[in-house]
Amino acid sequence: MNYLTLVVAFLLVSGTAISEEHHSSTHLKPAVLMSGLGQYHHPVSTKNAEAQRFFDQGLTFIYAFNHDEAIRSFKRAAELDPNLAMAYWGMALALGPNINLPVDPEREKAAYETVQKALELSKNAPEQERAYIEALAKRYSIDPKADLYKLAVDYKDAIKTAWQLETNVGPIAKEMPMVEFVMPTSTLILVRFNRWDDILKSPKPDPNMLITTAVWHFARGMAYAATGKVADAESEQKLFIATKTKVPSDTMWDLNSASSVLGIAENILDAKIAITKGDKKSAIELLRKAVEAEDALNYTEPPGWYIPVRKSLGGVLLISGDYAETEKVFRADLEKNPRSGRSLFGLMESLKAQGKTYDAQMVQREFETAWRNADTKLRVGDL
């Protein structure tokens, strides 16, 4: 299984949405400018500075998959500058279907009407803004027999033209701290699949991207600990903590604080180093803290922390010989992650160790079904 396949597979399983979507866009409260969203800026043709700020906020919320908040911000921009065509473009974009919300007739109609307003106002807009608006107009229809798939393809083709006119995209994650949490995804996938060599070969991120850099050090620490290089692991542990300390306290990781998510990583890395040193007792205590912290996270899709901690805790308990507690941990994980191949494997091994042959055979059947398309053979050390 190559690296790209791992990334694609993980995203397909976890889902690619960044936050939960609110399904109603009616009766929205007036928008206000919010703090802590970063400094992302996409200039539009308005002389009203506040309208520009609300437009930027709306686009930020689009990137964060908070479409109703985006609509409120774009609506406020339109109120401040009624001739700003891009404000209506933003509302229409936010009203459209997305990964959390398929085509909705009410929203489709509202989006169509809104983008028509944008088209009307775009006659005096700059060329690149007209391109954006004309591209989006291809996405919507009020015809009940319209081929919505074709509309989406038409939009995709048209937006390519708009992108060619717009070169001021910039490194979004640097300008929008609220979406930086997406950047370490591939690194965490490598950790989950124990791709230690790939982790150690990966280049160091931009040091200004604190979350990404912290996770990079976390991953390197995990890789060194897994390969028995304790001194190197402890060096990365110190660098991880130093970087984590620099992350502003109000920085968000989707719907959770970055500090709470990075705190889970800290406990996991500490536990991994403890295991390498042979201190299973400390490792178990640290992983139990990590489980509590993981359970305390707000619900998001994908989850705030991609690597279920109970699997790691169950693995350490299993090699420690506490089979009854191992069974409890893996059963608890299966309640949260039904049919997880790794947890079924851990549960099966714990049942075998307790002499629960019948139960182990039943779980083995579930495991074989869940793992039938995998190209790797699981071992206790992989948990």
Protein backbone atom coordinates (compact mmCIF):
# COMPACT_ATOMS: atom_id res chain seq x y z
CA MET A 1 0.00 0.00 0.00
CA ASN A 2 1.72 3.22 -1.12
CA TYR A 3 1.62 6.55 0.68
CA LEU A 4 -0.97 8.13 -1.64
CA THR A 5 -3.27 5.15 -1.20
CA LEU A 6 -2.99 5.51 2.57
CA VAL A 7 -3.97 9.16 2.40
CA VAL A 8 -6.91 8.53 0.09
CA ALA A 9 -8.12 5.55 2.09
CA PHE A 10 -7.94 7.45 5.35
CA LEU A 11 -9.87 10.41 3.99
CA LEU A 12 -12.53 8.14 2.54
CA VAL A 13 -12.99 6.43 5.89
CA SER A 14 -12.85 9.53 8.04
CA GLY A 15 -14.76 11.85 5.76
CA THR A 16 -13.29 15.07 4.48
CA ALA A 17 -15.58 17.57 6.15
CA ILE A 18 -13.89 19.93 8.56
CA SER A 19 -16.84 20.69 10.77
CA GLU A 20 -20.49 19.84 11.27
CA GLU A 21 -22.89 21.53 8.88
CA HIS A 22 -26.01 23.33 9.98
CA HIS A 23 -28.81 22.40 7.61
CA SER A 24 -30.96 25.47 7.90
CA SER A 25 -30.01 28.86 6.50
CA THR A 26 -33.21 30.64 7.41
CA HIS A 27 -33.72 33.17 10.20
CA LEU A 28 -29.98 33.79 10.54
CA LYS A 29 -28.85 36.23 13.19
CA PRO A 30 -26.94 39.33 12.04
CA ALA A 31 -23.25 38.69 11.52
CA VAL A 32 -20.52 40.20 13.65
CA LEU A 33 -16.79 40.30 13.02
CA MET A 34 -15.14 37.51 14.98
CA SER A 35 -11.65 37.25 16.40
CA GLY A 36 -9.26 34.33 16.13
CA LEU A 37 -10.05 33.49 12.50
CA GLY A 38 -6.70 34.52 11.06
CA GLN A 39 -5.85 37.23 8.55
CA TYR A 40 -7.01 35.68 5.26
CA HIS A 41 -7.72 38.41 2.72
CA HIS A 42 -9.22 38.18 -0.76
CA PRO A 43 -9.63 41.72 -2.15
CA VAL A 44 -12.93 42.50 -3.86
CA SER A 45 -14.17 45.61 -5.61
CA THR A 46 -15.59 47.54 -2.68
CA LYS A 47 -14.58 50.87 -1.17
CA ASN A 48 -16.23 49.93 2.11
CA ALA A 49 -13.52 48.55 4.41
CA GLU A 50 -16.01 46.84 6.72
CA ALA A 51 -17.76 45.16 3.78
CA GLN A 52 -14.35 43.82 2.73
CA ARG A 53 -13.75 42.44 6.22
CA PHE A 54 -17.12 40.69 6.27
CA PHE A 55 -16.42 39.25 2.81
CA ASP A 56 -13.06 37.91 4.02
CA GLN A 57 -14.77 36.42 7.08
CA GLY A 58 -17.39 34.78 4.90
CA LEU A 59 -14.74 33.20 2.70
CA THR A 60 -12.87 32.02 5.79
CA PHE A 61 -16.02 30.27 7.00
CA ILE A 62 -16.44 28.67 3.56
CA TYR A 63 -12.97 27.15 3.89
CA ALA A 64 -13.93 25.98 7.39
CA PHE A 65 -17.15 24.34 6.11
CA ASN A 66 -19.32 26.57 8.29
CA HIS A 67 -21.65 27.58 5.51
CA ASP A 68 -24.40 29.24 7.54
CA GLU A 69 -21.92 31.54 9.25
CA ALA A 70 -20.48 32.28 5.81
CA ILE A 71 -23.92 33.28 4.51
CA ARG A 72 -24.40 35.64 7.43
CA SER A 73 -21.06 37.33 6.79
CA PHE A 74 -21.63 37.70 3.04
CA LYS A 75 -25.13 39.02 3.71
CA ARG A 76 -23.69 41.67 6.02
CA ALA A 77 -21.13 42.62 3.35
CA ALA A 78 -24.00 43.09 0.88
CA GLU A 79 -25.87 45.27 3.37
CA LEU A 80 -22.80 47.48 3.78
CA ASP A 81 -22.19 47.65 0.02
CA PRO A 82 -25.38 46.81 -1.93
CA ASN A 83 -23.46 46.96 -5.23
CA LEU A 84 -20.86 44.39 -4.22
CA ALA A 85 -21.54 41.54 -6.63
CA MET A 86 -19.06 39.23 -4.91
CA ALA A 87 -21.05 39.38 -1.68
CA TYR A 88 -23.96 37.74 -3.52
CA TRP A 89 -21.53 35.32 -5.16
CA GLY A 90 -20.41 34.32 -1.66
CA MET A 91 -23.96 33.75 -0.45
CA ALA A 92 -24.74 31.64 -3.52
CA LEU A 93 -21.57 29.60 -3.07
CA ALA A 94 -22.38 28.93 0.59
CA LEU A 95 -25.96 27.94 -0.24
CA GLY A 96 -24.82 25.25 -2.67
CA PRO A 97 -24.44 21.53 -1.99
CA ASN A 98 -21.38 20.37 -0.07
CA ILE A 99 -19.99 17.19 1.40
CA ASN A 100 -22.26 17.45 4.47
CA LEU A 101 -25.37 18.56 2.61
CA PRO A 102 -26.43 17.22 -0.79
CA VAL A 103 -28.70 19.12 -3.14
CA ASP A 104 -31.56 20.73 -1.23
CA PRO A 105 -34.42 22.16 -3.35
CA GLU A 106 -34.96 25.18 -1.10
CA ARG A 107 -31.28 26.07 -1.00
CA GLU A 108 -30.86 25.38 -4.72
CA LYS A 109 -33.61 27.90 -5.48
CA ALA A 110 -32.14 30.47 -3.09
CA ALA A 111 -28.67 29.96 -4.55
CA TYR A 112 -29.98 30.37 -8.09
CA GLU A 113 -31.78 33.61 -7.23
CA THR A 114 -28.75 34.96 -5.36
CA VAL A 115 -26.27 34.22 -8.13
CA GLN A 116 -28.64 35.89 -10.62
CA LYS A 117 -28.42 39.01 -8.44
CA ALA A 118 -24.63 38.69 -8.54
CA LEU A 119 -24.74 38.45 -12.34
CA GLU A 120 -26.88 41.55 -12.51
CA LEU A 121 -24.43 43.54 -10.37
CA SER A 122 -21.32 42.14 -12.04
CA LYS A 123 -21.66 44.24 -15.19
CA ASN A 124 -19.38 46.85 -13.68
CA ALA A 125 -17.18 44.40 -11.74
CA PRO A 126 -13.56 43.54 -12.61
CA GLU A 127 -12.93 40.74 -15.08
CA GLN A 128 -11.81 38.16 -12.50
CA GLU A 129 -14.93 38.76 -10.38
CA ARG A 130 -17.18 38.35 -13.42
CA ALA A 131 -15.39 35.07 -14.16
CA TYR A 132 -16.08 33.76 -10.66
CA ILE A 133 -19.73 34.77 -10.81
CA GLU A 134 -20.32 33.43 -14.33
CA ALA A 135 -18.70 30.15 -13.32
CA LEU A 136 -20.92 29.77 -10.26
CA ALA A 137 -24.03 30.66 -12.28
CA LYS A 138 -23.51 27.43 -14.23
CA ARG A 139 -23.89 25.45 -11.01
CA TYR A 140 -27.52 26.27 -10.24
CA SER A 141 -30.87 25.90 -11.96
CA ILE A 142 -34.53 26.28 -11.03
CA ASP A 143 -35.51 23.70 -13.63
CA PRO A 144 -36.85 20.69 -11.64
CA LYS A 145 -35.61 18.39 -14.44
CA ALA A 146 -32.10 19.83 -14.49
CA ASP A 147 -29.18 17.38 -14.55
CA LEU A 148 -27.49 18.42 -11.30
CA TYR A 149 -24.42 16.30 -12.00
CA LYS A 150 -23.88 18.05 -15.32
CA LEU A 151 -24.30 21.41 -13.57
CA ALA A 152 -21.56 20.46 -11.15
CA VAL A 153 -19.24 19.44 -14.02
CA ASP A 154 -20.01 22.66 -15.88
CA TYR A 155 -19.15 24.58 -12.74
CA LYS A 156 -15.89 22.66 -12.30
CA ASP A 157 -14.82 23.42 -15.87
CA ALA A 158 -15.78 27.06 -15.61
CA ILE A 159 -14.07 27.63 -12.30
CA LYS A 160 -10.77 26.50 -13.83
CA THR A 161 -10.97 29.50 -16.11
CA ALA A 162 -11.63 31.76 -13.15
CA TRP A 163 -8.64 30.33 -11.29
CA GLN A 164 -6.43 31.15 -14.25
CA LEU A 165 -7.43 34.78 -13.88
CA GLU A 166 -6.91 34.75 -10.13
CA THR A 167 -3.33 34.19 -8.99
CA ASN A 168 -3.64 35.77 -5.55
CA VAL A 169 -4.43 32.54 -3.75
CA GLY A 170 -1.43 32.47 -1.42
CA PRO A 171 -0.58 29.96 1.28
CA ILE A 172 -4.02 29.78 2.89
CA ALA A 173 -3.00 27.91 5.97
CA LYS A 174 -0.41 30.54 6.88
CA GLU A 175 -2.95 33.31 6.62
CA MET A 176 -5.82 31.39 8.21
CA PRO A 177 -4.68 29.71 11.45
CA MET A 178 -8.16 28.29 11.95
CA VAL A 179 -7.67 25.86 9.05
CA GLU A 180 -4.06 24.90 9.73
CA PHE A 181 -5.22 21.80 11.59
CA VAL A 182 -5.86 20.21 8.18
CA MET A 183 -2.17 20.41 7.24
CA PRO A 184 -0.80 17.63 9.53
CA THR A 185 -3.34 15.07 8.26
CA SER A 186 -0.87 13.16 6.11
CA THR A 187 1.69 13.10 8.93
CA LEU A 188 -0.86 11.62 11.34
CA ILE A 189 -1.82 9.02 8.73
CA LEU A 190 1.82 7.97 8.51
CA VAL A 191 1.89 7.60 12.30
CA ARG A 192 -1.29 5.52 12.26
CA PHE A 193 0.19 3.14 9.71
CA ASN A 194 3.61 3.00 11.40
CA ARG A 195 5.39 4.45 8.36
CA TRP A 196 8.42 5.42 10.39
CA ASP A 197 10.89 5.71 7.51
CA ASP A 198 8.53 7.96 5.57
CA ILE A 199 8.09 10.16 8.63
CA LEU A 200 11.82 10.59 9.16
CA LYS A 201 12.29 11.44 5.48
CA SER A 202 9.56 14.08 5.44
CA PRO A 203 10.81 17.70 5.21
CA LYS A 204 10.46 20.10 8.10
CA PRO A 205 7.41 22.39 7.71
CA ASP A 206 7.52 26.16 7.71
CA PRO A 207 8.35 27.02 11.36
CA ASN A 208 5.66 29.72 11.29
CA MET A 209 3.07 26.95 10.98
CA LEU A 210 3.20 26.00 14.63
CA ILE A 211 0.55 23.26 14.68
CA THR A 212 2.04 21.55 11.63
CA THR A 213 5.56 21.80 13.06
CA ALA A 214 4.47 20.48 16.45
CA VAL A 215 2.81 17.44 14.85
CA TRP A 216 5.93 16.89 12.71
CA HIS A 217 8.08 16.70 15.86
CA PHE A 218 5.48 14.44 17.49
CA ALA A 219 5.62 12.07 14.52
CA ARG A 220 9.41 12.01 14.50
CA GLY A 221 9.44 11.29 18.21
CA MET A 222 7.05 8.40 17.64
CA ALA A 223 9.22 7.07 14.81
CA TYR A 224 12.43 7.22 16.84
CA ALA A 225 10.77 5.60 19.87
CA ALA A 226 9.29 2.83 17.71
CA THR A 227 12.74 2.06 16.30
CA GLY A 228 14.42 2.03 19.71
CA LYS A 229 16.26 5.37 19.43
CA VAL A 230 15.29 6.77 22.81
CA ALA A 231 17.71 9.70 22.87
CA ASP A 232 16.49 10.93 19.47
CA ALA A 233 12.88 10.42 20.55
CA GLU A 234 13.42 12.48 23.67
CA SER A 235 15.05 15.26 21.61
CA GLU A 236 11.98 15.40 19.38
CA GLN A 237 9.79 15.30 22.49
CA LYS A 238 11.48 18.48 23.77
CA LEU A 239 11.11 20.19 20.38
CA PHE A 240 7.44 19.17 20.27
CA ILE A 241 6.76 20.67 23.70
CA ALA A 242 8.69 23.84 22.82
CA THR A 243 6.63 24.31 19.65
CA LYS A 244 3.36 23.41 21.36
CA THR A 245 4.04 26.09 23.98
CA LYS A 246 4.28 28.73 21.25
CA VAL A 247 0.79 27.99 19.89
CA PRO A 248 -1.51 30.85 21.01
CA SER A 249 -4.03 29.75 23.62
CA ASP A 250 -7.00 30.78 21.46
CA THR A 251 -5.88 28.77 18.40
CA MET A 252 -8.55 26.31 17.29
CA TRP A 253 -8.23 22.80 15.87
CA ASP A 254 -11.57 22.66 14.08
CA LEU A 255 -14.14 22.84 16.91
CA ASN A 256 -11.60 22.11 19.62
CA SER A 257 -8.72 24.09 21.06
CA ALA A 258 -5.36 23.26 19.53
CA SER A 259 -3.92 22.89 23.02
CA SER A 260 -6.41 20.12 23.89
CA VAL A 261 -5.61 18.13 20.73
CA LEU A 262 -1.86 18.63 21.04
CA GLY A 263 -2.18 17.58 24.67
CA ILE A 264 -3.37 14.17 23.46
CA ALA A 265 -0.34 13.95 21.19
CA GLU A 266 1.95 14.82 24.10
CA ASN A 267 0.60 11.99 26.27
CA ILE A 268 0.82 9.51 23.40
CA LEU A 269 4.43 10.44 22.64
CA ASP A 270 5.37 10.27 26.32
CA ALA A 271 3.74 6.83 26.51
CA LYS A 272 5.58 5.62 23.42
CA ILE A 273 8.91 6.65 24.91
CA ALA A 274 7.98 5.00 28.22
CA ILE A 275 7.21 1.73 26.41
CA THR A 276 10.58 1.87 24.65
CA LYS A 277 12.21 2.24 28.05
CA GLY A 278 10.23 -0.75 29.33
CA ASP A 279 8.05 1.31 31.66
CA LYS A 280 4.64 -0.13 30.77
CA LYS A 281 3.01 1.14 33.98
CA SER A 282 3.74 4.78 33.12
CA ALA A 283 2.72 4.19 29.51
CA ILE A 284 -0.68 2.87 30.60
CA GLU A 285 -1.24 5.85 32.92
CA LEU A 286 -0.33 8.30 30.15
CA LEU A 287 -2.56 6.58 27.61
CA ARG A 288 -5.48 6.60 30.05
CA LYS A 289 -5.03 10.38 30.32
CA ALA A 290 -4.98 10.59 26.55
CA VAL A 291 -8.21 8.57 26.34
CA GLU A 292 -9.92 10.95 28.78
CA ALA A 293 -8.73 13.93 26.77
CA GLU A 294 -9.88 12.33 23.51
CA ASP A 295 -13.33 11.62 24.97
CA ALA A 296 -13.59 15.26 26.08
CA LEU A 297 -13.14 16.61 22.54
CA ASN A 298 -16.11 18.16 20.78
CA TYR A 299 -17.66 16.01 18.06
CA THR A 300 -16.37 16.74 14.56
CA GLU A 301 -16.11 14.93 11.25
CA PRO A 302 -13.38 13.83 10.79
CA PRO A 303 -12.66 13.47 14.52
CA GLY A 304 -10.49 16.03 16.26
CA TRP A 305 -7.83 13.38 16.86
CA TYR A 306 -7.45 10.90 13.99
CA ILE A 307 -5.75 8.08 15.89
CA PRO A 308 -8.11 6.34 18.36
CA VAL A 309 -6.14 6.21 21.61
CA ARG A 310 -7.95 3.17 23.04
CA LYS A 311 -6.28 0.99 20.41
CA SER A 312 -2.87 2.02 21.71
CA LEU A 313 -3.98 1.59 25.34
CA GLY A 314 -5.41 -1.83 24.55
CA GLY A 315 -2.18 -2.85 22.85
CA VAL A 316 -0.05 -1.94 25.88
CA LEU A 317 -2.45 -3.67 28.26
CA LEU A 318 -2.30 -6.75 26.06
CA ILE A 319 1.49 -7.00 26.10
CA SER A 320 1.38 -6.30 29.84
CA GLY A 321 -0.77 -9.37 30.38
CA ASP A 322 -3.87 -7.58 31.72
CA TYR A 323 -6.20 -9.42 29.36
CA ALA A 324 -9.50 -8.70 31.13
CA GLU A 325 -8.82 -4.95 31.08
CA THR A 326 -7.67 -5.25 27.46
CA GLU A 327 -11.04 -6.78 26.58
CA LYS A 328 -12.87 -3.88 28.24
CA VAL A 329 -10.82 -1.27 26.39
CA PHE A 330 -11.28 -2.81 22.95
CA ARG A 331 -15.01 -3.35 23.50
CA ALA A 332 -15.28 0.32 24.49
CA ASP A 333 -13.43 1.33 21.32
CA LEU A 334 -15.72 -0.79 19.17
CA GLU A 335 -18.69 1.10 20.58
CA LYS A 336 -17.13 4.28 19.21
CA ASN A 337 -15.61 2.72 16.08
CA PRO A 338 -17.84 -0.21 15.05
CA ARG A 339 -16.18 -2.99 13.03
CA SER A 340 -12.70 -1.50 13.45
CA GLY A 341 -10.34 -4.19 12.25
CA ARG A 342 -7.61 -3.25 14.70
CA SER A 343 -9.93 -3.25 17.69
CA LEU A 344 -11.51 -6.53 16.64
CA PHE A 345 -8.01 -8.02 16.38
CA GLY A 346 -7.08 -6.73 19.83
CA LEU A 347 -10.33 -8.01 21.31
CA MET A 348 -9.82 -11.40 19.66
CA GLU A 349 -6.31 -11.71 21.09
CA SER A 350 -7.48 -10.73 24.58
CA LEU A 351 -10.26 -13.32 24.48
CA LYS A 352 -7.85 -16.05 23.33
CA ALA A 353 -5.50 -15.17 26.19
CA GLN A 354 -8.37 -15.54 28.69
CA GLY A 355 -9.38 -18.90 27.28
CA LYS A 356 -12.69 -17.58 25.97
CA THR A 357 -12.46 -19.75 22.87
CA TYR A 358 -16.05 -19.47 21.63
CA ASP A 359 -16.13 -15.68 21.99
CA ALA A 360 -12.73 -15.42 20.33
CA GLN A 361 -13.94 -17.44 17.34
CA MET A 362 -17.00 -15.22 16.94
CA VAL A 363 -14.86 -12.08 17.01
CA GLN A 364 -12.36 -13.68 14.64
CA ARG A 365 -15.08 -14.03 12.02
CA GLU A 366 -15.88 -10.32 12.38
CA PHE A 367 -12.21 -9.46 12.18
CA GLU A 368 -11.65 -11.52 9.03
CA THR A 369 -14.59 -9.77 7.38
CA ALA A 370 -13.35 -6.33 8.39
CA TRP A 371 -9.75 -7.07 7.35
CA ARG A 372 -10.45 -9.06 4.18
CA ASN A 373 -9.25 -6.35 1.79
CA ALA A 374 -6.17 -5.34 3.78
CA ASP A 375 -2.72 -6.05 2.37
CA THR A 376 -0.96 -6.21 5.73
CA LYS A 377 -1.06 -8.76 8.54
CA LEU A 378 -1.75 -7.30 11.96
CA ARG A 379 0.47 -7.94 14.95
CA VAL A 380 -0.06 -6.95 18.58
CA GLY A 381 2.75 -4.42 18.22
CA ASP A 382 0.80 -2.64 15.47
CA LEU A 383 -2.02 -1.62 17.82
